[in-house]
């Protein structure tokens, strides 16, 4: 599947700021960003990191369907799903 990155891979060589896929720190909030057809799109901003992770999963499933790589499918949400 081209265009789908695992959590350990980053863009521009910077380490991730969140333990979750598709989530990064943005000032006092957590930004949800997804890449569709090579174009990064901001989805939403959240106060809680876990809420941002869940929002990423929803967006990933909407755009990529059952084949989406989500935080839940990677086991990153644990018992918080």
C-alpha atoms as a PDB file:
ATOM      1  CA  UNK A   1       0.000   0.000   0.000  1.00  0.00           C
ATOM      2  CA  UNK A   2       1.772   3.105  -1.121  1.00  0.00           C
ATOM      3  CA  UNK A   3       1.343   6.374   0.732  1.00  0.00           C
ATOM      4  CA  UNK A   4       0.619   4.788   4.117  1.00  0.00           C
ATOM      5  CA  UNK A   5       3.231   5.311   6.812  1.00  0.00           C
ATOM      6  CA  UNK A   6       3.689   3.505  10.070  1.00  0.00           C
ATOM      7  CA  UNK A   7       3.871   5.451  13.334  1.00  0.00           C
ATOM      8  CA  UNK A   8       7.672   5.273  13.598  1.00  0.00           C
ATOM      9  CA  UNK A   9       8.192   7.022  10.269  1.00  0.00           C
ATOM     10  CA  UNK A  10       8.142  10.806  10.257  1.00  0.00           C
ATOM     11  CA  UNK A  11       8.287  13.544   7.697  1.00  0.00           C
ATOM     12  CA  UNK A  12      11.184  15.982   7.407  1.00  0.00           C
ATOM     13  CA  UNK A  13      13.308  13.879   9.768  1.00  0.00           C
ATOM     14  CA  UNK A  14      11.701  15.235  12.945  1.00  0.00           C
ATOM     15  CA  UNK A  15      10.726  12.874  15.757  1.00  0.00           C
ATOM     16  CA  UNK A  16       6.983  12.621  16.441  1.00  0.00           C
ATOM     17  CA  UNK A  17       5.547  14.818  19.199  1.00  0.00           C
ATOM     18  CA  UNK A  18       2.765  12.348  20.016  1.00  0.00           C
ATOM     19  CA  UNK A  19       2.709   8.642  20.648  1.00  0.00           C
ATOM     20  CA  UNK A  20      -0.271   8.421  18.286  1.00  0.00           C
ATOM     21  CA  UNK A  21      -0.425   8.210  14.499  1.00  0.00           C
ATOM     22  CA  UNK A  22      -1.742  11.378  12.847  1.00  0.00           C
ATOM     23  CA  UNK A  23      -1.437  13.499  15.998  1.00  0.00           C
ATOM     24  CA  UNK A  24       1.045  16.273  16.743  1.00  0.00           C
ATOM     25  CA  UNK A  25       1.440  19.035  19.307  1.00  0.00           C
ATOM     26  CA  UNK A  26       0.225  22.454  18.193  1.00  0.00           C
ATOM     27  CA  UNK A  27       0.676  25.084  20.902  1.00  0.00           C
ATOM     28  CA  UNK A  28      -1.701  24.152  23.742  1.00  0.00           C
ATOM     29  CA  UNK A  29      -3.681  21.661  21.637  1.00  0.00           C
ATOM     30  CA  UNK A  30      -3.229  18.460  19.657  1.00  0.00           C
ATOM     31  CA  UNK A  31      -3.583  18.655  15.858  1.00  0.00           C
ATOM     32  CA  UNK A  32      -5.086  15.821  13.818  1.00  0.00           C
ATOM     33  CA  UNK A  33      -3.653  15.610  10.300  1.00  0.00           C
ATOM     34  CA  UNK A  34      -4.211  13.001   7.598  1.00  0.00           C
ATOM     35  CA  UNK A  35      -2.575  12.644   4.197  1.00  0.00           C
ATOM     36  CA  UNK A  36      -4.914  11.824   1.308  1.00  0.00           C
ATOM     37  CA  UNK A  37      -3.638  11.543  -2.270  1.00  0.00           C
ATOM     38  CA  UNK A  38      -0.292  13.014  -1.196  1.00  0.00           C
ATOM     39  CA  UNK A  39      -1.864  16.102   0.344  1.00  0.00           C
ATOM     40  CA  UNK A  40      -1.814  16.735   4.117  1.00  0.00           C
ATOM     41  CA  UNK A  41      -5.113  17.925   5.549  1.00  0.00           C
ATOM     42  CA  UNK A  42      -5.753  19.255   9.034  1.00  0.00           C
ATOM     43  CA  UNK A  43      -8.794  17.451  10.416  1.00  0.00           C
ATOM     44  CA  UNK A  44      -9.308  19.020  13.850  1.00  0.00           C
ATOM     45  CA  UNK A  45      -7.691  20.244  17.067  1.00  0.00           C
ATOM     46  CA  UNK A  46      -8.255  18.790  20.539  1.00  0.00           C
ATOM     47  CA  UNK A  47      -7.314  19.570  24.137  1.00  0.00           C
ATOM     48  CA  UNK A  48      -6.750  15.883  24.979  1.00  0.00           C
ATOM     49  CA  UNK A  49      -4.234  13.805  23.032  1.00  0.00           C
ATOM     50  CA  UNK A  50      -6.424  10.676  23.244  1.00  0.00           C
ATOM     51  CA  UNK A  51      -9.380  12.544  21.703  1.00  0.00           C
ATOM     52  CA  UNK A  52      -7.147  13.602  18.811  1.00  0.00           C
ATOM     53  CA  UNK A  53      -6.070   9.979  18.298  1.00  0.00           C
ATOM     54  CA  UNK A  54      -9.696   8.868  18.128  1.00  0.00           C
ATOM     55  CA  UNK A  55     -10.491  11.681  15.662  1.00  0.00           C
ATOM     56  CA  UNK A  56      -7.615  10.516  13.448  1.00  0.00           C
ATOM     57  CA  UNK A  57      -9.021   6.990  13.449  1.00  0.00           C
ATOM     58  CA  UNK A  58     -12.448   8.251  12.357  1.00  0.00           C
ATOM     59  CA  UNK A  59     -10.901  10.312   9.535  1.00  0.00           C
ATOM     60  CA  UNK A  60      -8.672   7.418   8.419  1.00  0.00           C
ATOM     61  CA  UNK A  61     -11.633   5.043   8.247  1.00  0.00           C
ATOM     62  CA  UNK A  62     -13.682   7.603   6.303  1.00  0.00           C
ATOM     63  CA  UNK A  63     -10.920   8.139   3.729  1.00  0.00           C
ATOM     64  CA  UNK A  64      -9.361   4.678   3.475  1.00  0.00           C
ATOM     65  CA  UNK A  65     -12.094   2.297   4.659  1.00  0.00           C
ATOM     66  CA  UNK A  66     -11.437  -0.994   6.407  1.00  0.00           C
ATOM     67  CA  UNK A  67      -7.833  -1.055   5.104  1.00  0.00           C
ATOM     68  CA  UNK A  68      -6.937   2.091   7.102  1.00  0.00           C
ATOM     69  CA  UNK A  69      -4.075   1.922   9.554  1.00  0.00           C
ATOM     70  CA  UNK A  70      -5.524   3.404  12.735  1.00  0.00           C
ATOM     71  CA  UNK A  71      -4.265   3.946  16.244  1.00  0.00           C
ATOM     72  CA  UNK A  72      -6.691   1.244  17.384  1.00  0.00           C
ATOM     73  CA  UNK A  73      -5.421  -1.255  14.776  1.00  0.00           C
ATOM     74  CA  UNK A  74      -1.851  -0.526  15.881  1.00  0.00           C
ATOM     75  CA  UNK A  75      -2.828  -1.219  19.498  1.00  0.00           C
ATOM     76  CA  UNK A  76      -1.955   2.330  20.578  1.00  0.00           C
ATOM     77  CA  UNK A  77      -5.297   3.132  22.211  1.00  0.00           C
ATOM     78  CA  UNK A  78      -5.101   0.234  24.646  1.00  0.00           C
ATOM     79  CA  UNK A  79      -8.101   0.133  26.975  1.00  0.00           C
ATOM     80  CA  UNK A  80      -9.007   3.738  26.117  1.00  0.00           C
ATOM     81  CA  UNK A  81     -10.703   2.880  22.797  1.00  0.00           C
END
